[in-house]
Amino acid sequence: MAYNIGNEKIRILLNQEDGTFCAELAGGRLLHMCTEVRLKDGRLVRSTDLWRHEVSESEGEELPGACRKAVFIHTGDQDWKLVQEFCIYEDYFTASTAFCSGSEAETNYIAPFCPAGKRER
């Protein structure tokens, strides 16, 4: 199932089947992307590695102004989750990723935009 959010200039498609996303804007496209986090113990956690992908949408007021906000939450069998937040403004968007864990875990690398193809771990 795909979730589509945006305006006339920007469109973000969140794929709830595999945890990927695409972004289309006037300057080009980011196709088949994911988010990833590297834990300090060396493990790489990608949104595509997790099996549950939920979306929520809201209107927001961030520092630059009014935006449409989509939150993409990725979970699996582990006690952690990856949370992506997209804020879509009139002419641009921002994206952030957070790693949340019920147990102690440390990261040393978080990437909001990564190609979703196979990667060496």
PDB file of N, CA and C in Angstrom:
ATOM      1  N   MET A   1       0.844  -1.173   0.000  1.00  0.00           N
ATOM      2  CA  MET A   1       0.000   0.000   0.000  1.00  0.00           C
ATOM      3  C   MET A   1       0.895   1.243   0.000  1.00  0.00           C
ATOM      4  N   ALA A   2       0.577   2.187  -0.816  1.00  0.00           N
ATOM      5  CA  ALA A   2       1.359   3.417  -0.924  1.00  0.00           C
ATOM      6  C   ALA A   2       0.588   4.585  -0.338  1.00  0.00           C
ATOM      7  N   TYR A   3       1.305   5.457   0.322  1.00  0.00           N
ATOM      8  CA  TYR A   3       0.720   6.650   0.919  1.00  0.00           C
ATOM      9  C   TYR A   3       1.334   7.853   0.228  1.00  0.00           C
ATOM     10  N   ASN A   4       0.499   8.739  -0.298  1.00  0.00           N
ATOM     11  CA  ASN A   4       0.926   9.851  -1.122  1.00  0.00           C
ATOM     12  C   ASN A   4       0.605  11.161  -0.398  1.00  0.00           C
ATOM     13  N   ILE A   5       1.593  12.033  -0.218  1.00  0.00           N
ATOM     14  CA  ILE A   5       1.381  13.325   0.426  1.00  0.00           C
ATOM     15  C   ILE A   5       2.156  14.391  -0.348  1.00  0.00           C
ATOM     16  N   GLY A   6       1.622  15.599  -0.401  1.00  0.00           N
ATOM     17  CA  GLY A   6       2.343  16.664  -1.071  1.00  0.00           C
ATOM     18  C   GLY A   6       1.462  17.827  -1.455  1.00  0.00           C
ATOM     19  N   ASN A   7       1.969  18.598  -2.409  1.00  0.00           N
ATOM     20  CA  ASN A   7       1.230  19.729  -2.961  1.00  0.00           C
ATOM     21  C   ASN A   7       1.488  19.762  -4.465  1.00  0.00           C
ATOM     22  N   GLU A   8       1.240  20.896  -5.105  1.00  0.00           N
ATOM     23  CA  GLU A   8       1.403  20.980  -6.563  1.00  0.00           C
ATOM     24  C   GLU A   8       2.864  20.872  -6.998  1.00  0.00           C
ATOM     25  N   LYS A   9       3.808  21.213  -6.115  1.00  0.00           N
ATOM     26  CA  LYS A   9       5.225  21.243  -6.473  1.00  0.00           C
ATOM     27  C   LYS A   9       6.025  20.056  -5.939  1.00  0.00           C
ATOM     28  N   ILE A  10       5.548  19.451  -4.863  1.00  0.00           N
ATOM     29  CA  ILE A  10       6.297  18.397  -4.182  1.00  0.00           C
ATOM     30  C   ILE A  10       5.372  17.224  -3.897  1.00  0.00           C
ATOM     31  N   ARG A  11       5.851  16.027  -4.167  1.00  0.00           N
ATOM     32  CA  ARG A  11       5.069  14.825  -3.891  1.00  0.00           C
ATOM     33  C   ARG A  11       5.984  13.798  -3.244  1.00  0.00           C
ATOM     34  N   ILE A  12       5.538  13.238  -2.129  1.00  0.00           N
ATOM     35  CA  ILE A  12       6.284  12.179  -1.460  1.00  0.00           C
ATOM     36  C   ILE A  12       5.394  10.954  -1.382  1.00  0.00           C
ATOM     37  N   LEU A  13       5.925   9.833  -1.832  1.00  0.00           N
ATOM     38  CA  LEU A  13       5.205   8.564  -1.850  1.00  0.00           C
ATOM     39  C   LEU A  13       5.879   7.630  -0.849  1.00  0.00           C
ATOM     40  N   LEU A  14       5.123   7.187   0.152  1.00  0.00           N
ATOM     41  CA  LEU A  14       5.633   6.296   1.183  1.00  0.00           C
ATOM     42  C   LEU A  14       5.077   4.902   0.922  1.00  0.00           C
ATOM     43  N   ASN A  15       5.947   3.936   0.741  1.00  0.00           N
ATOM     44  CA  ASN A  15       5.529   2.576   0.417  1.00  0.00           C
ATOM     45  C   ASN A  15       5.448   1.756   1.709  1.00  0.00           C
ATOM     46  N   GLN A  16       4.226   1.454   2.130  1.00  0.00           N
ATOM     47  CA  GLN A  16       4.012   0.721   3.370  1.00  0.00           C
ATOM     48  C   GLN A  16       4.242  -0.781   3.214  1.00  0.00           C
ATOM     49  N   GLU A  17       4.495  -1.246   2.008  1.00  0.00           N
ATOM     50  CA  GLU A  17       4.809  -2.664   1.787  1.00  0.00           C
ATOM     51  C   GLU A  17       6.263  -2.964   2.139  1.00  0.00           C
ATOM     52  N   ASP A  18       7.192  -2.093   1.701  1.00  0.00           N
ATOM     53  CA  ASP A  18       8.610  -2.409   1.869  1.00  0.00           C
ATOM     54  C   ASP A  18       9.430  -1.362   2.623  1.00  0.00           C
ATOM     55  N   GLY A  19       8.813  -0.257   3.078  1.00  0.00           N
ATOM     56  CA  GLY A  19       9.537   0.744   3.851  1.00  0.00           C
ATOM     57  C   GLY A  19      10.370   1.711   3.040  1.00  0.00           C
ATOM     58  N   THR A  20      10.106   1.800   1.745  1.00  0.00           N
ATOM     59  CA  THR A  20      10.837   2.748   0.888  1.00  0.00           C
ATOM     60  C   THR A  20       9.999   4.001   0.667  1.00  0.00           C
ATOM     61  N   PHE A  21      10.635   5.016   0.087  1.00  0.00           N
ATOM     62  CA  PHE A  21       9.914   6.228  -0.277  1.00  0.00           C
ATOM     63  C   PHE A  21      10.508   6.817  -1.544  1.00  0.00           C
ATOM     64  N   CYS A  22       9.705   7.624  -2.215  1.00  0.00           N
ATOM     65  CA  CYS A  22      10.128   8.382  -3.388  1.00  0.00           C
ATOM     66  C   CYS A  22       9.743   9.836  -3.149  1.00  0.00           C
ATOM     67  N   ALA A  23      10.532  10.750  -3.660  1.00  0.00           N
ATOM     68  CA  ALA A  23      10.220  12.174  -3.569  1.00  0.00           C
ATOM     69  C   ALA A  23      10.343  12.777  -4.960  1.00  0.00           C
ATOM     70  N   GLU A  24       9.337  13.538  -5.347  1.00  0.00           N
ATOM     71  CA  GLU A  24       9.356  14.238  -6.629  1.00  0.00           C
ATOM     72  C   GLU A  24       9.215  15.729  -6.373  1.00  0.00           C
ATOM     73  N   LEU A  25      10.109  16.508  -6.969  1.00  0.00           N
ATOM     74  CA  LEU A  25      10.043  17.943  -6.862  1.00  0.00           C
ATOM     75  C   LEU A  25      10.535  18.556  -8.157  1.00  0.00           C
ATOM     76  N   ALA A  26      10.422  19.863  -8.268  1.00  0.00           N
ATOM     77  CA  ALA A  26      10.734  20.533  -9.526  1.00  0.00           C
ATOM     78  C   ALA A  26      12.154  20.229 -10.012  1.00  0.00           C
ATOM     79  N   GLY A  27      13.107  20.060  -9.107  1.00  0.00           N
ATOM     80  CA  GLY A  27      14.493  19.823  -9.487  1.00  0.00           C
ATOM     81  C   GLY A  27      14.821  18.383  -9.827  1.00  0.00           C
ATOM     82  N   GLY A  28      13.901  17.450  -9.621  1.00  0.00           N
ATOM     83  CA  GLY A  28      14.173  16.054  -9.939  1.00  0.00           C
ATOM     84  C   GLY A  28      13.449  15.080  -9.038  1.00  0.00           C
ATOM     85  N   ARG A  29      13.943  13.850  -9.024  1.00  0.00           N
ATOM     86  CA  ARG A  29      13.307  12.780  -8.254  1.00  0.00           C
ATOM     87  C   ARG A  29      14.331  12.007  -7.452  1.00  0.00           C
ATOM     88  N   LEU A  30      13.901  11.541  -6.316  1.00  0.00           N
ATOM     89  CA  LEU A  30      14.631  10.556  -5.527  1.00  0.00           C
ATOM     90  C   LEU A  30      13.756   9.314  -5.552  1.00  0.00           C
ATOM     91  N   LEU A  31      14.216   8.280  -6.224  1.00  0.00           N
ATOM     92  CA  LEU A  31      13.393   7.087  -6.402  1.00  0.00           C
ATOM     93  C   LEU A  31      13.904   5.932  -5.550  1.00  0.00           C
ATOM     94  N   HIS A  32      13.001   5.163  -5.010  1.00  0.00           N
ATOM     95  CA  HIS A  32      13.274   3.931  -4.267  1.00  0.00           C
ATOM     96  C   HIS A  32      14.364   4.153  -3.208  1.00  0.00           C
ATOM     97  N   MET A  33      14.046   5.035  -2.254  1.00  0.00           N
ATOM     98  CA  MET A  33      14.971   5.391  -1.186  1.00  0.00           C
ATOM     99  C   MET A  33      14.543   4.726   0.117  1.00  0.00           C
ATOM    100  N   CYS A  34      15.470   4.641   1.066  1.00  0.00           N
ATOM    101  CA  CYS A  34      15.155   4.158   2.406  1.00  0.00           C
ATOM    102  C   CYS A  34      15.949   5.004   3.400  1.00  0.00           C
ATOM    103  N   THR A  35      15.764   4.731   4.658  1.00  0.00           N
ATOM    104  CA  THR A  35      16.561   5.371   5.699  1.00  0.00           C
ATOM    105  C   THR A  35      17.358   4.281   6.406  1.00  0.00           C
ATOM    106  N   GLU A  36      18.543   4.647   6.940  1.00  0.00           N
ATOM    107  CA  GLU A  36      19.339   3.640   7.615  1.00  0.00           C
ATOM    108  C   GLU A  36      20.107   4.231   8.780  1.00  0.00           C
ATOM    109  N   VAL A  37      20.419   3.333   9.720  1.00  0.00           N
ATOM    110  CA  VAL A  37      21.155   3.682  10.927  1.00  0.00           C
ATOM    111  C   VAL A  37      22.214   2.608  11.149  1.00  0.00           C
ATOM    112  N   ARG A  38      23.422   3.017  11.484  1.00  0.00           N
ATOM    113  CA  ARG A  38      24.454   2.050  11.859  1.00  0.00           C
ATOM    114  C   ARG A  38      24.629   2.135  13.369  1.00  0.00           C
ATOM    115  N   LEU A  39      24.478   0.968  14.021  1.00  0.00           N
ATOM    116  CA  LEU A  39      24.682   0.897  15.459  1.00  0.00           C
ATOM    117  C   LEU A  39      26.178   0.830  15.760  1.00  0.00           C
ATOM    118  N   LYS A  40      26.556   1.252  16.942  1.00  0.00           N
ATOM    119  CA  LYS A  40      27.983   1.247  17.298  1.00  0.00           C
ATOM    120  C   LYS A  40      28.580  -0.145  17.292  1.00  0.00           C
ATOM    121  N   ASP A  41      27.748  -1.194  17.442  1.00  0.00           N
ATOM    122  CA  ASP A  41      28.269  -2.564  17.391  1.00  0.00           C
ATOM    123  C   ASP A  41      28.471  -3.048  15.953  1.00  0.00           C
ATOM    124  N   GLY A  42      28.207  -2.174  14.966  1.00  0.00           N
ATOM    125  CA  GLY A  42      28.439  -2.499  13.569  1.00  0.00           C
ATOM    126  C   GLY A  42      27.209  -2.909  12.772  1.00  0.00           C
ATOM    127  N   ARG A  43      26.110  -3.226  13.445  1.00  0.00           N
ATOM    128  CA  ARG A  43      24.894  -3.618  12.723  1.00  0.00           C
ATOM    129  C   ARG A  43      24.305  -2.429  11.972  1.00  0.00           C
ATOM    130  N   LEU A  44      23.806  -2.701  10.783  1.00  0.00           N
ATOM    131  CA  LEU A  44      23.134  -1.703   9.955  1.00  0.00           C
ATOM    132  C   LEU A  44      21.644  -1.998   9.984  1.00  0.00           C
ATOM    133  N   VAL A  45      20.840  -1.023  10.365  1.00  0.00           N
ATOM    134  CA  VAL A  45      19.388  -1.174  10.416  1.00  0.00           C
ATOM    135  C   VAL A  45      18.798  -0.259   9.357  1.00  0.00           C
ATOM    136  N   ARG A  46      18.077  -0.845   8.404  1.00  0.00           N
ATOM    137  CA  ARG A  46      17.442  -0.082   7.329  1.00  0.00           C
ATOM    138  C   ARG A  46      15.929  -0.200   7.446  1.00  0.00           C
ATOM    139  N   SER A  47      15.230   0.811   6.980  1.00  0.00           N
ATOM    140  CA  SER A  47      13.764   0.750   7.011  1.00  0.00           C
ATOM    141  C   SER A  47      13.252  -0.451   6.223  1.00  0.00           C
ATOM    142  N   THR A  48      13.977  -0.863   5.213  1.00  0.00           N
ATOM    143  CA  THR A  48      13.560  -2.005   4.398  1.00  0.00           C
ATOM    144  C   THR A  48      13.799  -3.340   5.103  1.00  0.00           C
ATOM    145  N   ASP A  49      14.590  -3.351   6.180  1.00  0.00           N
ATOM    146  CA  ASP A  49      14.819  -4.570   6.957  1.00  0.00           C
ATOM    147  C   ASP A  49      13.671  -4.846   7.926  1.00  0.00           C
ATOM    148  N   LEU A  50      12.923  -3.831   8.244  1.00  0.00           N
ATOM    149  CA  LEU A  50      11.824  -3.957   9.202  1.00  0.00           C
ATOM    150  C   LEU A  50      10.541  -4.289   8.445  1.00  0.00           C
ATOM    151  N   TRP A  51       9.578  -4.886   9.090  1.00  0.00           N
ATOM    152  CA  TRP A  51       8.423  -5.417   8.348  1.00  0.00           C
ATOM    153  C   TRP A  51       7.124  -4.650   8.549  1.00  0.00           C
ATOM    154  N   ARG A  52       7.069  -3.745   9.498  1.00  0.00           N
ATOM    155  CA  ARG A  52       5.828  -2.976   9.705  1.00  0.00           C
ATOM    156  C   ARG A  52       6.116  -1.506   9.452  1.00  0.00           C
ATOM    157  N   HIS A  53       5.285  -0.888   8.601  1.00  0.00           N
ATOM    158  CA  HIS A  53       5.515   0.502   8.190  1.00  0.00           C
ATOM    159  C   HIS A  53       4.196   1.264   8.307  1.00  0.00           C
ATOM    160  N   GLU A  54       4.105   2.143   9.294  1.00  0.00           N
ATOM    161  CA  GLU A  54       2.876   2.897   9.544  1.00  0.00           C
ATOM    162  C   GLU A  54       3.091   4.370   9.215  1.00  0.00           C
ATOM    163  N   VAL A  55       2.015   5.022   8.793  1.00  0.00           N
ATOM    164  CA  VAL A  55       2.073   6.432   8.412  1.00  0.00           C
ATOM    165  C   VAL A  55       1.016   7.210   9.176  1.00  0.00           C
ATOM    166  N   SER A  56       1.384   8.405   9.620  1.00  0.00           N
ATOM    167  CA  SER A  56       0.401   9.344  10.144  1.00  0.00           C
ATOM    168  C   SER A  56       0.660  10.696   9.482  1.00  0.00           C
ATOM    169  N   GLU A  57      -0.388  11.469   9.343  1.00  0.00           N
ATOM    170  CA  GLU A  57      -0.293  12.767   8.661  1.00  0.00           C
ATOM    171  C   GLU A  57      -0.956  13.823   9.523  1.00  0.00           C
ATOM    172  N   SER A  58      -0.387  15.033   9.487  1.00  0.00           N
ATOM    173  CA  SER A  58      -0.972  16.146  10.223  1.00  0.00           C
ATOM    174  C   SER A  58      -0.554  17.456   9.570  1.00  0.00           C
ATOM    175  N   GLU A  59      -1.236  18.502   9.950  1.00  0.00           N
ATOM    176  CA  GLU A  59      -0.832  19.853   9.578  1.00  0.00           C
ATOM    177  C   GLU A  59       0.051  20.342  10.716  1.00  0.00           C
ATOM    178  N   GLY A  60       1.088  21.097  10.399  1.00  0.00           N
ATOM    179  CA  GLY A  60       1.997  21.544  11.444  1.00  0.00           C
ATOM    180  C   GLY A  60       2.440  22.970  11.254  1.00  0.00           C
ATOM    181  N   GLU A  61       3.015  23.504  12.289  1.00  0.00           N
ATOM    182  CA  GLU A  61       3.596  24.834  12.252  1.00  0.00           C
ATOM    183  C   GLU A  61       5.012  24.699  12.776  1.00  0.00           C
ATOM    184  N   GLU A  62       5.954  24.624  11.882  1.00  0.00           N
ATOM    185  CA  GLU A  62       7.355  24.517  12.250  1.00  0.00           C
ATOM    186  C   GLU A  62       7.979  25.906  12.161  1.00  0.00           C
ATOM    187  N   LEU A  63       9.231  26.032  12.533  1.00  0.00           N
ATOM    188  CA  LEU A  63       9.906  27.326  12.539  1.00  0.00           C
ATOM    189  C   LEU A  63       9.800  28.066  11.203  1.00  0.00           C
ATOM    190  N   PRO A  64       9.979  27.408  10.043  1.00  0.00           N
ATOM    191  CA  PRO A  64       9.853  28.160   8.784  1.00  0.00           C
ATOM    192  C   PRO A  64       8.422  28.534   8.417  1.00  0.00           C
ATOM    193  N   GLY A  65       7.411  27.878   8.983  1.00  0.00           N
ATOM    194  CA  GLY A  65       6.026  28.197   8.646  1.00  0.00           C
ATOM    195  C   GLY A  65       5.149  26.964   8.625  1.00  0.00           C
ATOM    196  N   ALA A  66       3.984  27.111   8.008  1.00  0.00           N
ATOM    197  CA  ALA A  66       3.012  26.019   7.951  1.00  0.00           C
ATOM    198  C   ALA A  66       3.497  24.903   7.026  1.00  0.00           C
ATOM    199  N   CYS A  67       3.194  23.668   7.411  1.00  0.00           N
ATOM    200  CA  CYS A  67       3.609  22.534   6.595  1.00  0.00           C
ATOM    201  C   CYS A  67       2.612  21.391   6.752  1.00  0.00           C
ATOM    202  N   ARG A  68       2.665  20.472   5.794  1.00  0.00           N
ATOM    203  CA  ARG A  68       1.982  19.186   5.922  1.00  0.00           C
ATOM    204  C   ARG A  68       3.047  18.215   6.377  1.00  0.00           C
ATOM    205  N   LYS A  69       2.740  17.459   7.416  1.00  0.00           N
ATOM    206  CA  LYS A  69       3.731  16.586   8.022  1.00  0.00           C
ATOM    207  C   LYS A  69       3.290  15.133   7.880  1.00  0.00           C
ATOM    208  N   ALA A  70       4.215  14.285   7.457  1.00  0.00           N
ATOM    209  CA  ALA A  70       3.982  12.844   7.408  1.00  0.00           C
ATOM    210  C   ALA A  70       5.047  12.179   8.267  1.00  0.00           C
ATOM    211  N   VAL A  71       4.624  11.279   9.135  1.00  0.00           N
ATOM    212  CA  VAL A  71       5.537  10.517   9.977  1.00  0.00           C
ATOM    213  C   VAL A  71       5.433   9.064   9.544  1.00  0.00           C
ATOM    214  N   PHE A  72       6.566   8.471   9.188  1.00  0.00           N
ATOM    215  CA  PHE A  72       6.662   7.100   8.688  1.00  0.00           C
ATOM    216  C   PHE A  72       7.414   6.300   9.756  1.00  0.00           C
ATOM    217  N   ILE A  73       6.735   5.364  10.413  1.00  0.00           N
ATOM    218  CA  ILE A  73       7.322   4.605  11.516  1.00  0.00           C
ATOM    219  C   ILE A  73       7.562   3.165  11.080  1.00  0.00           C
ATOM    220  N   HIS A  74       8.807   2.717  11.223  1.00  0.00           N
ATOM    221  CA  HIS A  74       9.227   1.379  10.799  1.00  0.00           C
ATOM    222  C   HIS A  74       9.570   0.556  12.042  1.00  0.00           C
ATOM    223  N   THR A  75       8.921  -0.597  12.192  1.00  0.00           N
ATOM    224  CA  THR A  75       9.190  -1.490  13.324  1.00  0.00           C
ATOM    225  C   THR A  75       9.289  -2.925  12.827  1.00  0.00           C
ATOM    226  N   GLY A  76       9.790  -3.787  13.690  1.00  0.00           N
ATOM    227  CA  GLY A  76       9.905  -5.210  13.371  1.00  0.00           C
ATOM    228  C   GLY A  76       9.845  -6.017  14.649  1.00  0.00           C
ATOM    229  N   ASP A  77      10.580  -7.106  14.706  1.00  0.00           N
ATOM    230  CA  ASP A  77      10.585  -7.964  15.881  1.00  0.00           C
ATOM    231  C   ASP A  77      11.497  -7.444  16.992  1.00  0.00           C
ATOM    232  N   GLN A  78      12.387  -6.544  16.689  1.00  0.00           N
ATOM    233  CA  GLN A  78      13.313  -5.996  17.666  1.00  0.00           C
ATOM    234  C   GLN A  78      12.589  -4.960  18.533  1.00  0.00           C
ATOM    235  N   ASP A  79      13.288  -4.465  19.549  1.00  0.00           N
ATOM    236  CA  ASP A  79      12.695  -3.437  20.414  1.00  0.00           C
ATOM    237  C   ASP A  79      13.035  -2.019  19.951  1.00  0.00           C
ATOM    238  N   TRP A  80      13.425  -1.870  18.699  1.00  0.00           N
ATOM    239  CA  TRP A  80      13.718  -0.541  18.180  1.00  0.00           C
ATOM    240  C   TRP A  80      12.770  -0.180  17.056  1.00  0.00           C
ATOM    241  N   LYS A  81      12.793   1.112  16.713  1.00  0.00           N
ATOM    242  CA  LYS A  81      12.037   1.586  15.565  1.00  0.00           C
ATOM    243  C   LYS A  81      12.781   2.745  14.928  1.00  0.00           C
ATOM    244  N   LEU A  82      12.556   2.887  13.637  1.00  0.00           N
ATOM    245  CA  LEU A  82      13.060   4.032  12.881  1.00  0.00           C
ATOM    246  C   LEU A  82      11.865   4.936  12.612  1.00  0.00           C
ATOM    247  N   VAL A  83      12.036   6.224  12.868  1.00  0.00           N
ATOM    248  CA  VAL A  83      10.958   7.192  12.667  1.00  0.00           C
ATOM    249  C   VAL A  83      11.441   8.248  11.689  1.00  0.00           C
ATOM    250  N   GLN A  84      10.748   8.345  10.552  1.00  0.00           N
ATOM    251  CA  GLN A  84      11.053   9.384   9.562  1.00  0.00           C
ATOM    252  C   GLN A  84       9.964  10.445   9.636  1.00  0.00           C
ATOM    253  N   GLU A  85      10.382  11.693   9.567  1.00  0.00           N
ATOM    254  CA  GLU A  85       9.416  12.787   9.544  1.00  0.00           C
ATOM    255  C   GLU A  85       9.683  13.639   8.315  1.00  0.00           C
ATOM    256  N   PHE A  86       8.666  13.816   7.500  1.00  0.00           N
ATOM    257  CA  PHE A  86       8.725  14.666   6.318  1.00  0.00           C
ATOM    258  C   PHE A  86       7.834  15.880   6.567  1.00  0.00           C
ATOM    259  N   CYS A  87       8.367  17.082   6.424  1.00  0.00           N
ATOM    260  CA  CYS A  87       7.586  18.318   6.520  1.00  0.00           C
ATOM    261  C   CYS A  87       7.586  18.956   5.136  1.00  0.00           C
ATOM    262  N   ILE A  88       6.411  19.092   4.557  1.00  0.00           N
ATOM    263  CA  ILE A  88       6.299  19.609   3.195  1.00  0.00           C
ATOM    264  C   ILE A  88       5.782  21.046   3.255  1.00  0.00           C
ATOM    265  N   TYR A  89       6.607  21.954   2.789  1.00  0.00           N
ATOM    266  CA  TYR A  89       6.272  23.373   2.730  1.00  0.00           C
ATOM    267  C   TYR A  89       5.865  23.705   1.296  1.00  0.00           C
ATOM    268  N   GLU A  90       5.595  24.948   1.018  1.00  0.00           N
ATOM    269  CA  GLU A  90       5.131  25.333  -0.323  1.00  0.00           C
ATOM    270  C   GLU A  90       6.147  24.998  -1.410  1.00  0.00           C
ATOM    271  N   ASP A  91       7.423  25.306  -1.179  1.00  0.00           N
ATOM    272  CA  ASP A  91       8.439  25.150  -2.226  1.00  0.00           C
ATOM    273  C   ASP A  91       9.531  24.122  -1.922  1.00  0.00           C
ATOM    274  N   TYR A  92       9.530  23.515  -0.765  1.00  0.00           N
ATOM    275  CA  TYR A  92      10.577  22.570  -0.396  1.00  0.00           C
ATOM    276  C   TYR A  92      10.062  21.638   0.696  1.00  0.00           C
ATOM    277  N   PHE A  93      10.873  20.627   1.015  1.00  0.00           N
ATOM    278  CA  PHE A  93      10.527  19.766   2.143  1.00  0.00           C
ATOM    279  C   PHE A  93      11.764  19.487   2.976  1.00  0.00           C
ATOM    280  N   THR A  94      11.543  19.106   4.220  1.00  0.00           N
ATOM    281  CA  THR A  94      12.622  18.674   5.092  1.00  0.00           C
ATOM    282  C   THR A  94      12.348  17.232   5.508  1.00  0.00           C
ATOM    283  N   ALA A  95      13.399  16.522   5.846  1.00  0.00           N
ATOM    284  CA  ALA A  95      13.256  15.133   6.289  1.00  0.00           C
ATOM    285  C   ALA A  95      14.221  14.894   7.444  1.00  0.00           C
ATOM    286  N   SER A  96      13.763  14.117   8.403  1.00  0.00           N
ATOM    287  CA  SER A  96      14.628  13.733   9.513  1.00  0.00           C
ATOM    288  C   SER A  96      14.362  12.279   9.862  1.00  0.00           C
ATOM    289  N   THR A  97      15.337  11.643  10.493  1.00  0.00           N
ATOM    290  CA  THR A  97      15.209  10.264  10.925  1.00  0.00           C
ATOM    291  C   THR A  97      15.666  10.167  12.376  1.00  0.00           C
ATOM    292  N   ALA A  98      14.913   9.409  13.161  1.00  0.00           N
ATOM    293  CA  ALA A  98      15.281   9.144  14.555  1.00  0.00           C
ATOM    294  C   ALA A  98      15.295   7.638  14.773  1.00  0.00           C
ATOM    295  N   PHE A  99      16.200   7.192  15.627  1.00  0.00           N
ATOM    296  CA  PHE A  99      16.285   5.790  16.025  1.00  0.00           C
ATOM    297  C   PHE A  99      15.848   5.709  17.474  1.00  0.00           C
ATOM    298  N   CYS A 100      14.849   4.890  17.768  1.00  0.00           N
ATOM    299  CA  CYS A 100      14.329   4.733  19.123  1.00  0.00           C
ATOM    300  C   CYS A 100      14.492   3.283  19.541  1.00  0.00           C
ATOM    301  N   SER A 101      14.909   3.074  20.794  1.00  0.00           N
ATOM    302  CA  SER A 101      15.143   1.715  21.272  1.00  0.00           C
ATOM    303  C   SER A 101      14.646   1.576  22.701  1.00  0.00           C
ATOM    304  N   GLY A 102      14.043   0.426  23.009  1.00  0.00           N
ATOM    305  CA  GLY A 102      13.599   0.128  24.358  1.00  0.00           C
ATOM    306  C   GLY A 102      14.743  -0.311  25.245  1.00  0.00           C
ATOM    307  N   SER A 103      15.863  -0.706  24.668  1.00  0.00           N
ATOM    308  CA  SER A 103      17.046  -1.076  25.432  1.00  0.00           C
ATOM    309  C   SER A 103      18.186  -0.154  25.011  1.00  0.00           C
ATOM    310  N   GLU A 104      19.278  -0.273  25.697  1.00  0.00           N
ATOM    311  CA  GLU A 104      20.395   0.611  25.396  1.00  0.00           C
ATOM    312  C   GLU A 104      21.007   0.254  24.047  1.00  0.00           C
ATOM    313  N   ALA A 105      21.059   1.217  23.166  1.00  0.00           N
ATOM    314  CA  ALA A 105      21.678   1.052  21.851  1.00  0.00           C
ATOM    315  C   ALA A 105      22.231   2.403  21.439  1.00  0.00           C
ATOM    316  N   GLU A 106      23.414   2.391  20.848  1.00  0.00           N
ATOM    317  CA  GLU A 106      24.043   3.629  20.410  1.00  0.00           C
ATOM    318  C   GLU A 106      24.261   3.587  18.909  1.00  0.00           C
ATOM    319  N   THR A 107      24.109   4.741  18.284  1.00  0.00           N
ATOM    320  CA  THR A 107      24.342   4.861  16.846  1.00  0.00           C
ATOM    321  C   THR A 107      25.521   5.793  16.616  1.00  0.00           C
ATOM    322  N   ASN A 108      26.140   5.631  15.475  1.00  0.00           N
ATOM    323  CA  ASN A 108      27.176   6.581  15.075  1.00  0.00           C
ATOM    324  C   ASN A 108      26.974   7.060  13.644  1.00  0.00           C
ATOM    325  N   TYR A 109      25.804   6.717  13.079  1.00  0.00           N
ATOM    326  CA  TYR A 109      25.519   7.095  11.693  1.00  0.00           C
ATOM    327  C   TYR A 109      24.012   6.986  11.466  1.00  0.00           C
ATOM    328  N   ILE A 110      23.402   8.059  11.011  1.00  0.00           N
ATOM    329  CA  ILE A 110      21.983   8.063  10.636  1.00  0.00           C
ATOM    330  C   ILE A 110      21.878   8.746   9.284  1.00  0.00           C
ATOM    331  N   ALA A 111      21.252   8.078   8.318  1.00  0.00           N
ATOM    332  CA  ALA A 111      21.108   8.625   6.965  1.00  0.00           C
ATOM    333  C   ALA A 111      19.630   8.650   6.580  1.00  0.00           C
ATOM    334  N   PRO A 112      19.030   9.821   6.446  1.00  0.00           N
ATOM    335  CA  PRO A 112      17.623   9.910   6.052  1.00  0.00           C
ATOM    336  C   PRO A 112      17.363   9.484   4.603  1.00  0.00           C
ATOM    337  N   PHE A 113      18.377   9.597   3.719  1.00  0.00           N
ATOM    338  CA  PHE A 113      18.218   9.262   2.303  1.00  0.00           C
ATOM    339  C   PHE A 113      19.300   8.278   1.866  1.00  0.00           C
ATOM    340  N   CYS A 114      18.909   7.062   1.527  1.00  0.00           N
ATOM    341  CA  CYS A 114      19.830   6.056   1.006  1.00  0.00           C
ATOM    342  C   CYS A 114      19.135   5.281  -0.109  1.00  0.00           C
ATOM    343  N   PRO A 115      19.862   4.905  -1.146  1.00  0.00           N
ATOM    344  CA  PRO A 115      19.255   4.030  -2.162  1.00  0.00           C
ATOM    345  C   PRO A 115      18.846   2.707  -1.514  1.00  0.00           C
ATOM    346  N   ALA A 116      17.676   2.213  -1.871  1.00  0.00           N
ATOM    347  CA  ALA A 116      17.120   1.018  -1.218  1.00  0.00           C
ATOM    348  C   ALA A 116      17.618  -0.293  -1.810  1.00  0.00           C
ATOM    349  N   GLY A 117      18.505  -0.252  -2.790  1.00  0.00           N
ATOM    350  CA  GLY A 117      19.036  -1.496  -3.364  1.00  0.00           C
ATOM    351  C   GLY A 117      19.899  -2.237  -2.356  1.00  0.00           C
ATOM    352  N   LYS A 118      20.422  -3.370  -2.765  1.00  0.00           N
ATOM    353  CA  LYS A 118      21.272  -4.178  -1.892  1.00  0.00           C
ATOM    354  C   LYS A 118      22.529  -3.402  -1.515  1.00  0.00           C
ATOM    355  N   ARG A 119      22.926  -3.517  -0.235  1.00  0.00           N
ATOM    356  CA  ARG A 119      24.141  -2.884   0.242  1.00  0.00           C
ATOM    357  C   ARG A 119      24.959  -3.884   1.009  1.00  0.00           C
ATOM    358  N   GLU A 120      26.256  -3.725   0.923  1.00  0.00           N
ATOM    359  CA  GLU A 120      27.147  -4.593   1.703  1.00  0.00           C
ATOM    360  C   GLU A 120      27.060  -4.172   3.169  1.00  0.00           C
ATOM    361  N   ARG A 121      26.946  -5.141   4.035  1.00  0.00           N
ATOM    362  CA  ARG A 121      26.825  -4.841   5.466  1.00  0.00           C
ATOM    363  C   ARG A 121      28.133  -5.061   6.094  1.00  0.00           C
TER     364      ARG A 121
END
